[in-house]
Amino acid sequence: HFMHRIRWVLFVACAAALALCVYFATTLELPTSADVRILDEENEYELNYAWRKLLLYDVLRKSGGSEVTVGFGLTPADTGDLNNPASWSELVLDNHFEPSSPEAQEFLNTFCAELFAEDFADYPVE
């Protein structure tokens, strides 16, 4: 019967705690980058990370956008073991893919030029 007597006090305390949580949740700021560093700056892994950020290779790789590989004559399939995430799928060839037809030859001939004519695509830097 003790809990029954203090039910309103508990209700007000829970409502106040909820109000405080909502207030502080609204004052949180968005992160300025997706780079989350957990270890101290003096840690050897963090020192290596800071050093690698200064290398031209990493700067160019990160500024280059996404990398995409295009494969023709393949069928999307998941042939791996569904219960084992370490198992890989195998490529499944499309038996109906015929690259020797004139339409396919024209498409393959103009594919790269049409792709790089789009705003989102840029020539790779080698």
Protein backbone atom coordinates (compact mmCIF):
# COMPACT_ATOMS: atom_id res chain seq x y z
CA HIS A 1 0.00 0.00 0.00
CA PHE A 2 3.07 2.23 0.24
CA MET A 3 3.31 2.52 -3.56
CA HIS A 4 -0.37 3.36 -3.77
CA ARG A 5 0.13 6.29 -1.39
CA ILE A 6 3.04 7.82 -3.32
CA ARG A 7 1.71 7.11 -6.81
CA TRP A 8 1.15 10.80 -7.61
CA VAL A 9 4.59 11.74 -6.37
CA LEU A 10 6.11 9.04 -8.58
CA PHE A 11 3.98 10.18 -11.51
CA VAL A 12 5.14 13.80 -11.13
CA ALA A 13 8.77 12.67 -10.74
CA CYS A 14 8.57 10.53 -13.88
CA ALA A 15 6.88 13.35 -15.83
CA ALA A 16 9.60 15.78 -14.68
CA ALA A 17 12.32 13.30 -15.70
CA LEU A 18 10.66 12.88 -19.09
CA ALA A 19 10.45 16.66 -19.55
CA LEU A 20 14.16 17.03 -18.66
CA CYS A 21 15.12 14.30 -21.12
CA VAL A 22 13.08 15.92 -23.89
CA TYR A 23 14.61 19.33 -23.17
CA PHE A 24 18.20 18.08 -23.21
CA ALA A 25 17.54 15.92 -26.28
CA THR A 26 16.43 19.00 -28.19
CA THR A 27 19.62 20.88 -27.26
CA LEU A 28 21.93 18.21 -28.73
CA GLU A 29 23.90 19.38 -31.75
CA LEU A 30 24.44 17.38 -34.90
CA PRO A 31 27.97 16.07 -35.43
CA THR A 32 30.12 18.06 -37.82
CA SER A 33 31.68 14.94 -39.37
CA ALA A 34 31.21 11.20 -39.47
CA ASP A 35 34.71 10.72 -38.06
CA VAL A 36 34.32 9.25 -34.57
CA ARG A 37 37.53 8.90 -32.58
CA ILE A 38 37.36 6.89 -29.34
CA LEU A 39 40.98 6.51 -28.30
CA ASP A 40 43.25 9.21 -26.87
CA GLU A 41 45.22 11.32 -29.34
CA GLU A 42 48.50 9.91 -27.93
CA ASN A 43 47.48 6.32 -28.69
CA GLU A 44 49.63 4.73 -31.41
CA TYR A 45 46.59 3.86 -33.52
CA GLU A 46 45.37 7.46 -33.35
CA LEU A 47 48.84 8.74 -34.20
CA ASN A 48 48.89 6.42 -37.21
CA TYR A 49 45.41 7.61 -38.21
CA ALA A 50 46.48 11.27 -37.99
CA TRP A 51 49.63 10.54 -40.01
CA ARG A 52 47.68 8.68 -42.71
CA LYS A 53 45.28 11.62 -43.10
CA LEU A 54 48.27 13.66 -44.28
CA LEU A 55 49.21 11.23 -47.06
CA LEU A 56 48.27 12.32 -50.56
CA TYR A 57 46.98 8.83 -51.39
CA ASP A 58 44.29 8.95 -48.69
CA VAL A 59 43.37 12.53 -49.50
CA LEU A 60 42.82 11.68 -53.16
CA ARG A 61 40.98 8.46 -52.36
CA LYS A 62 38.55 10.19 -50.00
CA SER A 63 37.96 13.16 -52.27
CA GLY A 64 37.26 10.97 -55.28
CA GLY A 65 33.74 9.94 -54.32
CA SER A 66 32.43 6.41 -54.61
CA GLU A 67 33.88 3.62 -56.67
CA VAL A 68 31.58 1.51 -58.80
CA THR A 69 32.26 -1.69 -60.72
CA VAL A 70 29.95 -2.50 -63.62
CA GLY A 71 29.60 -6.07 -64.82
CA PHE A 72 27.64 -7.16 -67.86
CA GLY A 73 26.13 -10.60 -68.41
CA LEU A 74 25.47 -11.30 -64.72
CA THR A 75 22.30 -12.20 -62.89
CA PRO A 76 21.73 -10.91 -59.34
CA ALA A 77 21.70 -13.91 -57.01
CA ASP A 78 22.59 -14.76 -53.45
CA THR A 79 24.23 -18.18 -53.57
CA GLY A 80 25.98 -17.93 -50.20
CA ASP A 81 24.97 -19.71 -47.01
CA LEU A 82 22.22 -17.54 -45.49
CA ASN A 83 23.16 -18.71 -41.98
CA ASN A 84 26.85 -17.92 -42.41
CA PRO A 85 27.60 -14.26 -43.13
CA ALA A 86 31.26 -15.12 -43.80
CA SER A 87 30.31 -17.17 -46.88
CA TRP A 88 30.39 -15.33 -50.18
CA SER A 89 28.03 -15.49 -53.11
CA GLU A 90 29.25 -16.69 -56.47
CA LEU A 91 28.73 -14.87 -59.74
CA VAL A 92 25.79 -16.23 -61.70
CA LEU A 93 26.08 -15.77 -65.46
CA ASP A 94 23.07 -14.69 -67.49
CA ASN A 95 22.56 -17.29 -70.22
CA HIS A 96 20.44 -14.86 -72.25
CA PHE A 97 23.20 -12.20 -72.43
CA GLU A 98 24.29 -11.84 -76.04
CA PRO A 99 26.98 -9.17 -76.46
CA SER A 100 27.48 -9.88 -80.18
CA SER A 101 24.12 -8.44 -81.29
CA PRO A 102 24.28 -5.04 -83.04
CA GLU A 103 22.11 -3.43 -80.33
CA ALA A 104 24.35 -4.72 -77.56
CA GLN A 105 27.47 -3.61 -79.42
CA GLU A 106 26.06 -0.11 -79.82
CA PHE A 107 25.05 0.00 -76.13
CA LEU A 108 28.45 -1.21 -74.92
CA ASN A 109 30.24 1.16 -77.30
CA THR A 110 28.41 4.24 -75.97
CA PHE A 111 28.00 3.14 -72.33
CA CYS A 112 31.05 4.91 -70.89
CA ALA A 113 30.55 8.12 -72.85
CA GLU A 114 26.90 8.33 -71.80
CA LEU A 115 27.75 7.50 -68.18
CA PHE A 116 30.44 10.17 -67.86
CA ALA A 117 28.17 12.72 -69.55
CA GLU A 118 25.99 12.60 -66.42
CA ASP A 119 26.54 15.14 -63.62
CA PHE A 120 27.11 12.49 -60.94
CA ALA A 121 29.91 10.65 -62.77
CA ASP A 122 33.50 11.73 -63.30
CA TYR A 123 36.45 10.07 -65.00
CA PRO A 124 38.60 8.01 -62.59
CA VAL A 125 41.96 9.45 -61.57
CA GLU A 126 44.79 6.98 -61.98
